[in-house]
PDBML (XML) file of the C-alpha atoms, coordinates in Angstrom:
<?xml version="1.0" encoding="UTF-8" ?>
<PDBx:datablock datablockName="MODEL"
   xmlns:PDBx="http://pdbml.pdb.org/schema/pdbx-v50.xsd"
   xmlns:xsi="http://www.w3.org/2001/XMLSchema-instance"
   xsi:schemaLocation="http://pdbml.pdb.org/schema/pdbx-v50.xsd pdbx-v50.xsd">
   <PDBx:atom_siteCategory>
      <PDBx:atom_site id="1">
         <PDBx:B_iso_or_equiv>0.00</PDBx:B_iso_or_equiv>
         <PDBx:Cartn_x>-11.825</PDBx:Cartn_x>
         <PDBx:Cartn_y>1.754</PDBx:Cartn_y>
         <PDBx:Cartn_z>-8.529</PDBx:Cartn_z>
         <PDBx:auth_asym_id>A</PDBx:auth_asym_id>
         <PDBx:auth_atom_id>CA</PDBx:auth_atom_id>
         <PDBx:auth_comp_id>ARG</PDBx:auth_comp_id>
         <PDBx:auth_seq_id>1</PDBx:auth_seq_id>
         <PDBx:group_PDB>ATOM</PDBx:group_PDB>
         <PDBx:label_alt_id xsi:nil="true" />
         <PDBx:label_asym_id>A</PDBx:label_asym_id>
         <PDBx:label_atom_id>CA</PDBx:label_atom_id>
         <PDBx:label_comp_id>ARG</PDBx:label_comp_id>
         <PDBx:label_entity_id>1</PDBx:label_entity_id>
         <PDBx:label_seq_id>1</PDBx:label_seq_id>
         <PDBx:occupancy>1.00</PDBx:occupancy>
         <PDBx:pdbx_PDB_model_num>1</PDBx:pdbx_PDB_model_num>
         <PDBx:type_symbol>C</PDBx:type_symbol>
      </PDBx:atom_site>
      <PDBx:atom_site id="2">
         <PDBx:B_iso_or_equiv>0.00</PDBx:B_iso_or_equiv>
         <PDBx:Cartn_x>-12.516</PDBx:Cartn_x>
         <PDBx:Cartn_y>3.654</PDBx:Cartn_y>
         <PDBx:Cartn_z>-4.949</PDBx:Cartn_z>
         <PDBx:auth_asym_id>A</PDBx:auth_asym_id>
         <PDBx:auth_atom_id>CA</PDBx:auth_atom_id>
         <PDBx:auth_comp_id>ALA</PDBx:auth_comp_id>
         <PDBx:auth_seq_id>2</PDBx:auth_seq_id>
         <PDBx:group_PDB>ATOM</PDBx:group_PDB>
         <PDBx:label_alt_id xsi:nil="true" />
         <PDBx:label_asym_id>A</PDBx:label_asym_id>
         <PDBx:label_atom_id>CA</PDBx:label_atom_id>
         <PDBx:label_comp_id>ALA</PDBx:label_comp_id>
         <PDBx:label_entity_id>1</PDBx:label_entity_id>
         <PDBx:label_seq_id>2</PDBx:label_seq_id>
         <PDBx:occupancy>1.00</PDBx:occupancy>
         <PDBx:pdbx_PDB_model_num>1</PDBx:pdbx_PDB_model_num>
         <PDBx:type_symbol>C</PDBx:type_symbol>
      </PDBx:atom_site>
      <PDBx:atom_site id="3">
         <PDBx:B_iso_or_equiv>0.00</PDBx:B_iso_or_equiv>
         <PDBx:Cartn_x>-11.690</PDBx:Cartn_x>
         <PDBx:Cartn_y>0.512</PDBx:Cartn_y>
         <PDBx:Cartn_z>-3.264</PDBx:Cartn_z>
         <PDBx:auth_asym_id>A</PDBx:auth_asym_id>
         <PDBx:auth_atom_id>CA</PDBx:auth_atom_id>
         <PDBx:auth_comp_id>ALA</PDBx:auth_comp_id>
         <PDBx:auth_seq_id>3</PDBx:auth_seq_id>
         <PDBx:group_PDB>ATOM</PDBx:group_PDB>
         <PDBx:label_alt_id xsi:nil="true" />
         <PDBx:label_asym_id>A</PDBx:label_asym_id>
         <PDBx:label_atom_id>CA</PDBx:label_atom_id>
         <PDBx:label_comp_id>ALA</PDBx:label_comp_id>
         <PDBx:label_entity_id>1</PDBx:label_entity_id>
         <PDBx:label_seq_id>3</PDBx:label_seq_id>
         <PDBx:occupancy>1.00</PDBx:occupancy>
         <PDBx:pdbx_PDB_model_num>1</PDBx:pdbx_PDB_model_num>
         <PDBx:type_symbol>C</PDBx:type_symbol>
      </PDBx:atom_site>
      <PDBx:atom_site id="4">
         <PDBx:B_iso_or_equiv>0.00</PDBx:B_iso_or_equiv>
         <PDBx:Cartn_x>-8.686</PDBx:Cartn_x>
         <PDBx:Cartn_y>-0.259</PDBx:Cartn_y>
         <PDBx:Cartn_z>-4.953</PDBx:Cartn_z>
         <PDBx:auth_asym_id>A</PDBx:auth_asym_id>
         <PDBx:auth_atom_id>CA</PDBx:auth_atom_id>
         <PDBx:auth_comp_id>ALA</PDBx:auth_comp_id>
         <PDBx:auth_seq_id>4</PDBx:auth_seq_id>
         <PDBx:group_PDB>ATOM</PDBx:group_PDB>
         <PDBx:label_alt_id xsi:nil="true" />
         <PDBx:label_asym_id>A</PDBx:label_asym_id>
         <PDBx:label_atom_id>CA</PDBx:label_atom_id>
         <PDBx:label_comp_id>ALA</PDBx:label_comp_id>
         <PDBx:label_entity_id>1</PDBx:label_entity_id>
         <PDBx:label_seq_id>4</PDBx:label_seq_id>
         <PDBx:occupancy>1.00</PDBx:occupancy>
         <PDBx:pdbx_PDB_model_num>1</PDBx:pdbx_PDB_model_num>
         <PDBx:type_symbol>C</PDBx:type_symbol>
      </PDBx:atom_site>
      <PDBx:atom_site id="5">
         <PDBx:B_iso_or_equiv>0.00</PDBx:B_iso_or_equiv>
         <PDBx:Cartn_x>-7.314</PDBx:Cartn_x>
         <PDBx:Cartn_y>3.442</PDBx:Cartn_y>
         <PDBx:Cartn_z>-4.535</PDBx:Cartn_z>
         <PDBx:auth_asym_id>A</PDBx:auth_asym_id>
         <PDBx:auth_atom_id>CA</PDBx:auth_atom_id>
         <PDBx:auth_comp_id>ALA</PDBx:auth_comp_id>
         <PDBx:auth_seq_id>5</PDBx:auth_seq_id>
         <PDBx:group_PDB>ATOM</PDBx:group_PDB>
         <PDBx:label_alt_id xsi:nil="true" />
         <PDBx:label_asym_id>A</PDBx:label_asym_id>
         <PDBx:label_atom_id>CA</PDBx:label_atom_id>
         <PDBx:label_comp_id>ALA</PDBx:label_comp_id>
         <PDBx:label_entity_id>1</PDBx:label_entity_id>
         <PDBx:label_seq_id>5</PDBx:label_seq_id>
         <PDBx:occupancy>1.00</PDBx:occupancy>
         <PDBx:pdbx_PDB_model_num>1</PDBx:pdbx_PDB_model_num>
         <PDBx:type_symbol>C</PDBx:type_symbol>
      </PDBx:atom_site>
      <PDBx:atom_site id="6">
         <PDBx:B_iso_or_equiv>0.00</PDBx:B_iso_or_equiv>
         <PDBx:Cartn_x>-7.896</PDBx:Cartn_x>
         <PDBx:Cartn_y>3.038</PDBx:Cartn_y>
         <PDBx:Cartn_z>-1.011</PDBx:Cartn_z>
         <PDBx:auth_asym_id>A</PDBx:auth_asym_id>
         <PDBx:auth_atom_id>CA</PDBx:auth_atom_id>
         <PDBx:auth_comp_id>LEU</PDBx:auth_comp_id>
         <PDBx:auth_seq_id>6</PDBx:auth_seq_id>
         <PDBx:group_PDB>ATOM</PDBx:group_PDB>
         <PDBx:label_alt_id xsi:nil="true" />
         <PDBx:label_asym_id>A</PDBx:label_asym_id>
         <PDBx:label_atom_id>CA</PDBx:label_atom_id>
         <PDBx:label_comp_id>LEU</PDBx:label_comp_id>
         <PDBx:label_entity_id>1</PDBx:label_entity_id>
         <PDBx:label_seq_id>6</PDBx:label_seq_id>
         <PDBx:occupancy>1.00</PDBx:occupancy>
         <PDBx:pdbx_PDB_model_num>1</PDBx:pdbx_PDB_model_num>
         <PDBx:type_symbol>C</PDBx:type_symbol>
      </PDBx:atom_site>
      <PDBx:atom_site id="7">
         <PDBx:B_iso_or_equiv>0.00</PDBx:B_iso_or_equiv>
         <PDBx:Cartn_x>-6.186</PDBx:Cartn_x>
         <PDBx:Cartn_y>0.000</PDBx:Cartn_y>
         <PDBx:Cartn_z>-0.329</PDBx:Cartn_z>
         <PDBx:auth_asym_id>A</PDBx:auth_asym_id>
         <PDBx:auth_atom_id>CA</PDBx:auth_atom_id>
         <PDBx:auth_comp_id>ALA</PDBx:auth_comp_id>
         <PDBx:auth_seq_id>7</PDBx:auth_seq_id>
         <PDBx:group_PDB>ATOM</PDBx:group_PDB>
         <PDBx:label_alt_id xsi:nil="true" />
         <PDBx:label_asym_id>A</PDBx:label_asym_id>
         <PDBx:label_atom_id>CA</PDBx:label_atom_id>
         <PDBx:label_comp_id>ALA</PDBx:label_comp_id>
         <PDBx:label_entity_id>1</PDBx:label_entity_id>
         <PDBx:label_seq_id>7</PDBx:label_seq_id>
         <PDBx:occupancy>1.00</PDBx:occupancy>
         <PDBx:pdbx_PDB_model_num>1</PDBx:pdbx_PDB_model_num>
         <PDBx:type_symbol>C</PDBx:type_symbol>
      </PDBx:atom_site>
      <PDBx:atom_site id="8">
         <PDBx:B_iso_or_equiv>0.00</PDBx:B_iso_or_equiv>
         <PDBx:Cartn_x>-3.783</PDBx:Cartn_x>
         <PDBx:Cartn_y>1.122</PDBx:Cartn_y>
         <PDBx:Cartn_z>-2.474</PDBx:Cartn_z>
         <PDBx:auth_asym_id>A</PDBx:auth_asym_id>
         <PDBx:auth_atom_id>CA</PDBx:auth_atom_id>
         <PDBx:auth_comp_id>ARG</PDBx:auth_comp_id>
         <PDBx:auth_seq_id>8</PDBx:auth_seq_id>
         <PDBx:group_PDB>ATOM</PDBx:group_PDB>
         <PDBx:label_alt_id xsi:nil="true" />
         <PDBx:label_asym_id>A</PDBx:label_asym_id>
         <PDBx:label_atom_id>CA</PDBx:label_atom_id>
         <PDBx:label_comp_id>ARG</PDBx:label_comp_id>
         <PDBx:label_entity_id>1</PDBx:label_entity_id>
         <PDBx:label_seq_id>8</PDBx:label_seq_id>
         <PDBx:occupancy>1.00</PDBx:occupancy>
         <PDBx:pdbx_PDB_model_num>1</PDBx:pdbx_PDB_model_num>
         <PDBx:type_symbol>C</PDBx:type_symbol>
      </PDBx:atom_site>
      <PDBx:atom_site id="9">
         <PDBx:B_iso_or_equiv>0.00</PDBx:B_iso_or_equiv>
         <PDBx:Cartn_x>-2.719</PDBx:Cartn_x>
         <PDBx:Cartn_y>4.403</PDBx:Cartn_y>
         <PDBx:Cartn_z>-0.196</PDBx:Cartn_z>
         <PDBx:auth_asym_id>A</PDBx:auth_asym_id>
         <PDBx:auth_atom_id>CA</PDBx:auth_atom_id>
         <PDBx:auth_comp_id>SER</PDBx:auth_comp_id>
         <PDBx:auth_seq_id>9</PDBx:auth_seq_id>
         <PDBx:group_PDB>ATOM</PDBx:group_PDB>
         <PDBx:label_alt_id xsi:nil="true" />
         <PDBx:label_asym_id>A</PDBx:label_asym_id>
         <PDBx:label_atom_id>CA</PDBx:label_atom_id>
         <PDBx:label_comp_id>SER</PDBx:label_comp_id>
         <PDBx:label_entity_id>1</PDBx:label_entity_id>
         <PDBx:label_seq_id>9</PDBx:label_seq_id>
         <PDBx:occupancy>1.00</PDBx:occupancy>
         <PDBx:pdbx_PDB_model_num>1</PDBx:pdbx_PDB_model_num>
         <PDBx:type_symbol>C</PDBx:type_symbol>
      </PDBx:atom_site>
      <PDBx:atom_site id="10">
         <PDBx:B_iso_or_equiv>0.00</PDBx:B_iso_or_equiv>
         <PDBx:Cartn_x>-2.593</PDBx:Cartn_x>
         <PDBx:Cartn_y>2.069</PDBx:Cartn_y>
         <PDBx:Cartn_z>3.051</PDBx:Cartn_z>
         <PDBx:auth_asym_id>A</PDBx:auth_asym_id>
         <PDBx:auth_atom_id>CA</PDBx:auth_atom_id>
         <PDBx:auth_comp_id>GLU</PDBx:auth_comp_id>
         <PDBx:auth_seq_id>10</PDBx:auth_seq_id>
         <PDBx:group_PDB>ATOM</PDBx:group_PDB>
         <PDBx:label_alt_id xsi:nil="true" />
         <PDBx:label_asym_id>A</PDBx:label_asym_id>
         <PDBx:label_atom_id>CA</PDBx:label_atom_id>
         <PDBx:label_comp_id>GLU</PDBx:label_comp_id>
         <PDBx:label_entity_id>1</PDBx:label_entity_id>
         <PDBx:label_seq_id>10</PDBx:label_seq_id>
         <PDBx:occupancy>1.00</PDBx:occupancy>
         <PDBx:pdbx_PDB_model_num>1</PDBx:pdbx_PDB_model_num>
         <PDBx:type_symbol>C</PDBx:type_symbol>
      </PDBx:atom_site>
      <PDBx:atom_site id="11">
         <PDBx:B_iso_or_equiv>0.00</PDBx:B_iso_or_equiv>
         <PDBx:Cartn_x>-0.282</PDBx:Cartn_x>
         <PDBx:Cartn_y>-0.620</PDBx:Cartn_y>
         <PDBx:Cartn_z>1.278</PDBx:Cartn_z>
         <PDBx:auth_asym_id>A</PDBx:auth_asym_id>
         <PDBx:auth_atom_id>CA</PDBx:auth_atom_id>
         <PDBx:auth_comp_id>ALA</PDBx:auth_comp_id>
         <PDBx:auth_seq_id>11</PDBx:auth_seq_id>
         <PDBx:group_PDB>ATOM</PDBx:group_PDB>
         <PDBx:label_alt_id xsi:nil="true" />
         <PDBx:label_asym_id>A</PDBx:label_asym_id>
         <PDBx:label_atom_id>CA</PDBx:label_atom_id>
         <PDBx:label_comp_id>ALA</PDBx:label_comp_id>
         <PDBx:label_entity_id>1</PDBx:label_entity_id>
         <PDBx:label_seq_id>11</PDBx:label_seq_id>
         <PDBx:occupancy>1.00</PDBx:occupancy>
         <PDBx:pdbx_PDB_model_num>1</PDBx:pdbx_PDB_model_num>
         <PDBx:type_symbol>C</PDBx:type_symbol>
      </PDBx:atom_site>
      <PDBx:atom_site id="12">
         <PDBx:B_iso_or_equiv>0.00</PDBx:B_iso_or_equiv>
         <PDBx:Cartn_x>2.015</PDBx:Cartn_x>
         <PDBx:Cartn_y>2.174</PDBx:Cartn_y>
         <PDBx:Cartn_z>-0.081</PDBx:Cartn_z>
         <PDBx:auth_asym_id>A</PDBx:auth_asym_id>
         <PDBx:auth_atom_id>CA</PDBx:auth_atom_id>
         <PDBx:auth_comp_id>ASP</PDBx:auth_comp_id>
         <PDBx:auth_seq_id>12</PDBx:auth_seq_id>
         <PDBx:group_PDB>ATOM</PDBx:group_PDB>
         <PDBx:label_alt_id xsi:nil="true" />
         <PDBx:label_asym_id>A</PDBx:label_asym_id>
         <PDBx:label_atom_id>CA</PDBx:label_atom_id>
         <PDBx:label_comp_id>ASP</PDBx:label_comp_id>
         <PDBx:label_entity_id>1</PDBx:label_entity_id>
         <PDBx:label_seq_id>12</PDBx:label_seq_id>
         <PDBx:occupancy>1.00</PDBx:occupancy>
         <PDBx:pdbx_PDB_model_num>1</PDBx:pdbx_PDB_model_num>
         <PDBx:type_symbol>C</PDBx:type_symbol>
      </PDBx:atom_site>
      <PDBx:atom_site id="13">
         <PDBx:B_iso_or_equiv>0.00</PDBx:B_iso_or_equiv>
         <PDBx:Cartn_x>2.092</PDBx:Cartn_x>
         <PDBx:Cartn_y>3.992</PDBx:Cartn_y>
         <PDBx:Cartn_z>3.479</PDBx:Cartn_z>
         <PDBx:auth_asym_id>A</PDBx:auth_asym_id>
         <PDBx:auth_atom_id>CA</PDBx:auth_atom_id>
         <PDBx:auth_comp_id>ARG</PDBx:auth_comp_id>
         <PDBx:auth_seq_id>13</PDBx:auth_seq_id>
         <PDBx:group_PDB>ATOM</PDBx:group_PDB>
         <PDBx:label_alt_id xsi:nil="true" />
         <PDBx:label_asym_id>A</PDBx:label_asym_id>
         <PDBx:label_atom_id>CA</PDBx:label_atom_id>
         <PDBx:label_comp_id>ARG</PDBx:label_comp_id>
         <PDBx:label_entity_id>1</PDBx:label_entity_id>
         <PDBx:label_seq_id>13</PDBx:label_seq_id>
         <PDBx:occupancy>1.00</PDBx:occupancy>
         <PDBx:pdbx_PDB_model_num>1</PDBx:pdbx_PDB_model_num>
         <PDBx:type_symbol>C</PDBx:type_symbol>
      </PDBx:atom_site>
      <PDBx:atom_site id="14">
         <PDBx:B_iso_or_equiv>0.00</PDBx:B_iso_or_equiv>
         <PDBx:Cartn_x>2.925</PDBx:Cartn_x>
         <PDBx:Cartn_y>0.657</PDBx:Cartn_y>
         <PDBx:Cartn_z>4.869</PDBx:Cartn_z>
         <PDBx:auth_asym_id>A</PDBx:auth_asym_id>
         <PDBx:auth_atom_id>CA</PDBx:auth_atom_id>
         <PDBx:auth_comp_id>PHE</PDBx:auth_comp_id>
         <PDBx:auth_seq_id>14</PDBx:auth_seq_id>
         <PDBx:group_PDB>ATOM</PDBx:group_PDB>
         <PDBx:label_alt_id xsi:nil="true" />
         <PDBx:label_asym_id>A</PDBx:label_asym_id>
         <PDBx:label_atom_id>CA</PDBx:label_atom_id>
         <PDBx:label_comp_id>PHE</PDBx:label_comp_id>
         <PDBx:label_entity_id>1</PDBx:label_entity_id>
         <PDBx:label_seq_id>14</PDBx:label_seq_id>
         <PDBx:occupancy>1.00</PDBx:occupancy>
         <PDBx:pdbx_PDB_model_num>1</PDBx:pdbx_PDB_model_num>
         <PDBx:type_symbol>C</PDBx:type_symbol>
      </PDBx:atom_site>
      <PDBx:atom_site id="15">
         <PDBx:B_iso_or_equiv>0.00</PDBx:B_iso_or_equiv>
         <PDBx:Cartn_x>5.853</PDBx:Cartn_x>
         <PDBx:Cartn_y>-0.181</PDBx:Cartn_y>
         <PDBx:Cartn_z>1.882</PDBx:Cartn_z>
         <PDBx:auth_asym_id>A</PDBx:auth_asym_id>
         <PDBx:auth_atom_id>CA</PDBx:auth_atom_id>
         <PDBx:auth_comp_id>THR</PDBx:auth_comp_id>
         <PDBx:auth_seq_id>15</PDBx:auth_seq_id>
         <PDBx:group_PDB>ATOM</PDBx:group_PDB>
         <PDBx:label_alt_id xsi:nil="true" />
         <PDBx:label_asym_id>A</PDBx:label_asym_id>
         <PDBx:label_atom_id>CA</PDBx:label_atom_id>
         <PDBx:label_comp_id>THR</PDBx:label_comp_id>
         <PDBx:label_entity_id>1</PDBx:label_entity_id>
         <PDBx:label_seq_id>15</PDBx:label_seq_id>
         <PDBx:occupancy>1.00</PDBx:occupancy>
         <PDBx:pdbx_PDB_model_num>1</PDBx:pdbx_PDB_model_num>
         <PDBx:type_symbol>C</PDBx:type_symbol>
      </PDBx:atom_site>
      <PDBx:atom_site id="16">
         <PDBx:B_iso_or_equiv>0.00</PDBx:B_iso_or_equiv>
         <PDBx:Cartn_x>7.589</PDBx:Cartn_x>
         <PDBx:Cartn_y>3.040</PDBx:Cartn_y>
         <PDBx:Cartn_z>2.463</PDBx:Cartn_z>
         <PDBx:auth_asym_id>A</PDBx:auth_asym_id>
         <PDBx:auth_atom_id>CA</PDBx:auth_atom_id>
         <PDBx:auth_comp_id>LEU</PDBx:auth_comp_id>
         <PDBx:auth_seq_id>16</PDBx:auth_seq_id>
         <PDBx:group_PDB>ATOM</PDBx:group_PDB>
         <PDBx:label_alt_id xsi:nil="true" />
         <PDBx:label_asym_id>A</PDBx:label_asym_id>
         <PDBx:label_atom_id>CA</PDBx:label_atom_id>
         <PDBx:label_comp_id>LEU</PDBx:label_comp_id>
         <PDBx:label_entity_id>1</PDBx:label_entity_id>
         <PDBx:label_seq_id>16</PDBx:label_seq_id>
         <PDBx:occupancy>1.00</PDBx:occupancy>
         <PDBx:pdbx_PDB_model_num>1</PDBx:pdbx_PDB_model_num>
         <PDBx:type_symbol>C</PDBx:type_symbol>
      </PDBx:atom_site>
      <PDBx:atom_site id="17">
         <PDBx:B_iso_or_equiv>0.00</PDBx:B_iso_or_equiv>
         <PDBx:Cartn_x>8.007</PDBx:Cartn_x>
         <PDBx:Cartn_y>2.488</PDBx:Cartn_y>
         <PDBx:Cartn_z>6.174</PDBx:Cartn_z>
         <PDBx:auth_asym_id>A</PDBx:auth_asym_id>
         <PDBx:auth_atom_id>CA</PDBx:auth_atom_id>
         <PDBx:auth_comp_id>ARG</PDBx:auth_comp_id>
         <PDBx:auth_seq_id>17</PDBx:auth_seq_id>
         <PDBx:group_PDB>ATOM</PDBx:group_PDB>
         <PDBx:label_alt_id xsi:nil="true" />
         <PDBx:label_asym_id>A</PDBx:label_asym_id>
         <PDBx:label_atom_id>CA</PDBx:label_atom_id>
         <PDBx:label_comp_id>ARG</PDBx:label_comp_id>
         <PDBx:label_entity_id>1</PDBx:label_entity_id>
         <PDBx:label_seq_id>17</PDBx:label_seq_id>
         <PDBx:occupancy>1.00</PDBx:occupancy>
         <PDBx:pdbx_PDB_model_num>1</PDBx:pdbx_PDB_model_num>
         <PDBx:type_symbol>C</PDBx:type_symbol>
      </PDBx:atom_site>
      <PDBx:atom_site id="18">
         <PDBx:B_iso_or_equiv>0.00</PDBx:B_iso_or_equiv>
         <PDBx:Cartn_x>9.489</PDBx:Cartn_x>
         <PDBx:Cartn_y>-0.516</PDBx:Cartn_y>
         <PDBx:Cartn_z>5.068</PDBx:Cartn_z>
         <PDBx:auth_asym_id>A</PDBx:auth_asym_id>
         <PDBx:auth_atom_id>CA</PDBx:auth_atom_id>
         <PDBx:auth_comp_id>ASN</PDBx:auth_comp_id>
         <PDBx:auth_seq_id>18</PDBx:auth_seq_id>
         <PDBx:group_PDB>ATOM</PDBx:group_PDB>
         <PDBx:label_alt_id xsi:nil="true" />
         <PDBx:label_asym_id>A</PDBx:label_asym_id>
         <PDBx:label_atom_id>CA</PDBx:label_atom_id>
         <PDBx:label_comp_id>ASN</PDBx:label_comp_id>
         <PDBx:label_entity_id>1</PDBx:label_entity_id>
         <PDBx:label_seq_id>18</PDBx:label_seq_id>
         <PDBx:occupancy>1.00</PDBx:occupancy>
         <PDBx:pdbx_PDB_model_num>1</PDBx:pdbx_PDB_model_num>
         <PDBx:type_symbol>C</PDBx:type_symbol>
      </PDBx:atom_site>
      <PDBx:atom_site id="19">
         <PDBx:B_iso_or_equiv>0.00</PDBx:B_iso_or_equiv>
         <PDBx:Cartn_x>10.779</PDBx:Cartn_x>
         <PDBx:Cartn_y>-1.076</PDBx:Cartn_y>
         <PDBx:Cartn_z>1.450</PDBx:Cartn_z>
         <PDBx:auth_asym_id>A</PDBx:auth_asym_id>
         <PDBx:auth_atom_id>CA</PDBx:auth_atom_id>
         <PDBx:auth_comp_id>PRO</PDBx:auth_comp_id>
         <PDBx:auth_seq_id>19</PDBx:auth_seq_id>
         <PDBx:group_PDB>ATOM</PDBx:group_PDB>
         <PDBx:label_alt_id xsi:nil="true" />
         <PDBx:label_asym_id>A</PDBx:label_asym_id>
         <PDBx:label_atom_id>CA</PDBx:label_atom_id>
         <PDBx:label_comp_id>PRO</PDBx:label_comp_id>
         <PDBx:label_entity_id>1</PDBx:label_entity_id>
         <PDBx:label_seq_id>19</PDBx:label_seq_id>
         <PDBx:occupancy>1.00</PDBx:occupancy>
         <PDBx:pdbx_PDB_model_num>1</PDBx:pdbx_PDB_model_num>
         <PDBx:type_symbol>C</PDBx:type_symbol>
      </PDBx:atom_site>
      <PDBx:atom_site id="20">
         <PDBx:B_iso_or_equiv>0.00</PDBx:B_iso_or_equiv>
         <PDBx:Cartn_x>12.091</PDBx:Cartn_x>
         <PDBx:Cartn_y>-4.532</PDBx:Cartn_y>
         <PDBx:Cartn_z>2.247</PDBx:Cartn_z>
         <PDBx:auth_asym_id>A</PDBx:auth_asym_id>
         <PDBx:auth_atom_id>CA</PDBx:auth_atom_id>
         <PDBx:auth_comp_id>SER</PDBx:auth_comp_id>
         <PDBx:auth_seq_id>20</PDBx:auth_seq_id>
         <PDBx:group_PDB>ATOM</PDBx:group_PDB>
         <PDBx:label_alt_id xsi:nil="true" />
         <PDBx:label_asym_id>A</PDBx:label_asym_id>
         <PDBx:label_atom_id>CA</PDBx:label_atom_id>
         <PDBx:label_comp_id>SER</PDBx:label_comp_id>
         <PDBx:label_entity_id>1</PDBx:label_entity_id>
         <PDBx:label_seq_id>20</PDBx:label_seq_id>
         <PDBx:occupancy>1.00</PDBx:occupancy>
         <PDBx:pdbx_PDB_model_num>1</PDBx:pdbx_PDB_model_num>
         <PDBx:type_symbol>C</PDBx:type_symbol>
      </PDBx:atom_site>
      <PDBx:atom_site id="21">
         <PDBx:B_iso_or_equiv>0.00</PDBx:B_iso_or_equiv>
         <PDBx:Cartn_x>8.841</PDBx:Cartn_x>
         <PDBx:Cartn_y>-6.101</PDBx:Cartn_y>
         <PDBx:Cartn_z>3.066</PDBx:Cartn_z>
         <PDBx:auth_asym_id>A</PDBx:auth_asym_id>
         <PDBx:auth_atom_id>CA</PDBx:auth_atom_id>
         <PDBx:auth_comp_id>LYS</PDBx:auth_comp_id>
         <PDBx:auth_seq_id>21</PDBx:auth_seq_id>
         <PDBx:group_PDB>ATOM</PDBx:group_PDB>
         <PDBx:label_alt_id xsi:nil="true" />
         <PDBx:label_asym_id>A</PDBx:label_asym_id>
         <PDBx:label_atom_id>CA</PDBx:label_atom_id>
         <PDBx:label_comp_id>LYS</PDBx:label_comp_id>
         <PDBx:label_entity_id>1</PDBx:label_entity_id>
         <PDBx:label_seq_id>21</PDBx:label_seq_id>
         <PDBx:occupancy>1.00</PDBx:occupancy>
         <PDBx:pdbx_PDB_model_num>1</PDBx:pdbx_PDB_model_num>
         <PDBx:type_symbol>C</PDBx:type_symbol>
      </PDBx:atom_site>
      <PDBx:atom_site id="22">
         <PDBx:B_iso_or_equiv>0.00</PDBx:B_iso_or_equiv>
         <PDBx:Cartn_x>6.258</PDBx:Cartn_x>
         <PDBx:Cartn_y>-4.365</PDBx:Cartn_y>
         <PDBx:Cartn_z>0.062</PDBx:Cartn_z>
         <PDBx:auth_asym_id>A</PDBx:auth_asym_id>
         <PDBx:auth_atom_id>CA</PDBx:auth_atom_id>
         <PDBx:auth_comp_id>PRO</PDBx:auth_comp_id>
         <PDBx:auth_seq_id>22</PDBx:auth_seq_id>
         <PDBx:group_PDB>ATOM</PDBx:group_PDB>
         <PDBx:label_alt_id xsi:nil="true" />
         <PDBx:label_asym_id>A</PDBx:label_asym_id>
         <PDBx:label_atom_id>CA</PDBx:label_atom_id>
         <PDBx:label_comp_id>PRO</PDBx:label_comp_id>
         <PDBx:label_entity_id>1</PDBx:label_entity_id>
         <PDBx:label_seq_id>22</PDBx:label_seq_id>
         <PDBx:occupancy>1.00</PDBx:occupancy>
         <PDBx:pdbx_PDB_model_num>1</PDBx:pdbx_PDB_model_num>
         <PDBx:type_symbol>C</PDBx:type_symbol>
      </PDBx:atom_site>
      <PDBx:atom_site id="23">
         <PDBx:B_iso_or_equiv>0.00</PDBx:B_iso_or_equiv>
         <PDBx:Cartn_x>2.651</PDBx:Cartn_x>
         <PDBx:Cartn_y>-4.516</PDBx:Cartn_y>
         <PDBx:Cartn_z>0.686</PDBx:Cartn_z>
         <PDBx:auth_asym_id>A</PDBx:auth_asym_id>
         <PDBx:auth_atom_id>CA</PDBx:auth_atom_id>
         <PDBx:auth_comp_id>ARG</PDBx:auth_comp_id>
         <PDBx:auth_seq_id>23</PDBx:auth_seq_id>
         <PDBx:group_PDB>ATOM</PDBx:group_PDB>
         <PDBx:label_alt_id xsi:nil="true" />
         <PDBx:label_asym_id>A</PDBx:label_asym_id>
         <PDBx:label_atom_id>CA</PDBx:label_atom_id>
         <PDBx:label_comp_id>ARG</PDBx:label_comp_id>
         <PDBx:label_entity_id>1</PDBx:label_entity_id>
         <PDBx:label_seq_id>23</PDBx:label_seq_id>
         <PDBx:occupancy>1.00</PDBx:occupancy>
         <PDBx:pdbx_PDB_model_num>1</PDBx:pdbx_PDB_model_num>
         <PDBx:type_symbol>C</PDBx:type_symbol>
      </PDBx:atom_site>
      <PDBx:atom_site id="24">
         <PDBx:B_iso_or_equiv>0.00</PDBx:B_iso_or_equiv>
         <PDBx:Cartn_x>0.295</PDBx:Cartn_x>
         <PDBx:Cartn_y>-5.428</PDBx:Cartn_y>
         <PDBx:Cartn_z>-2.258</PDBx:Cartn_z>
         <PDBx:auth_asym_id>A</PDBx:auth_asym_id>
         <PDBx:auth_atom_id>CA</PDBx:auth_atom_id>
         <PDBx:auth_comp_id>PHE</PDBx:auth_comp_id>
         <PDBx:auth_seq_id>24</PDBx:auth_seq_id>
         <PDBx:group_PDB>ATOM</PDBx:group_PDB>
         <PDBx:label_alt_id xsi:nil="true" />
         <PDBx:label_asym_id>A</PDBx:label_asym_id>
         <PDBx:label_atom_id>CA</PDBx:label_atom_id>
         <PDBx:label_comp_id>PHE</PDBx:label_comp_id>
         <PDBx:label_entity_id>1</PDBx:label_entity_id>
         <PDBx:label_seq_id>24</PDBx:label_seq_id>
         <PDBx:occupancy>1.00</PDBx:occupancy>
         <PDBx:pdbx_PDB_model_num>1</PDBx:pdbx_PDB_model_num>
         <PDBx:type_symbol>C</PDBx:type_symbol>
      </PDBx:atom_site>
      <PDBx:atom_site id="25">
         <PDBx:B_iso_or_equiv>0.00</PDBx:B_iso_or_equiv>
         <PDBx:Cartn_x>-3.398</PDBx:Cartn_x>
         <PDBx:Cartn_y>-4.750</PDBx:Cartn_y>
         <PDBx:Cartn_z>-3.194</PDBx:Cartn_z>
         <PDBx:auth_asym_id>A</PDBx:auth_asym_id>
         <PDBx:auth_atom_id>CA</PDBx:auth_atom_id>
         <PDBx:auth_comp_id>VAL</PDBx:auth_comp_id>
         <PDBx:auth_seq_id>25</PDBx:auth_seq_id>
         <PDBx:group_PDB>ATOM</PDBx:group_PDB>
         <PDBx:label_alt_id xsi:nil="true" />
         <PDBx:label_asym_id>A</PDBx:label_asym_id>
         <PDBx:label_atom_id>CA</PDBx:label_atom_id>
         <PDBx:label_comp_id>VAL</PDBx:label_comp_id>
         <PDBx:label_entity_id>1</PDBx:label_entity_id>
         <PDBx:label_seq_id>25</PDBx:label_seq_id>
         <PDBx:occupancy>1.00</PDBx:occupancy>
         <PDBx:pdbx_PDB_model_num>1</PDBx:pdbx_PDB_model_num>
         <PDBx:type_symbol>C</PDBx:type_symbol>
      </PDBx:atom_site>
   </PDBx:atom_siteCategory>
</PDBx:datablock>
């Protein structure tokens, strides 16, 4: 759960910067 949450927070941060290039975990 911690591993996924850690990656999730970083992926979402980059998606917010550029929603046309969403990032996935």
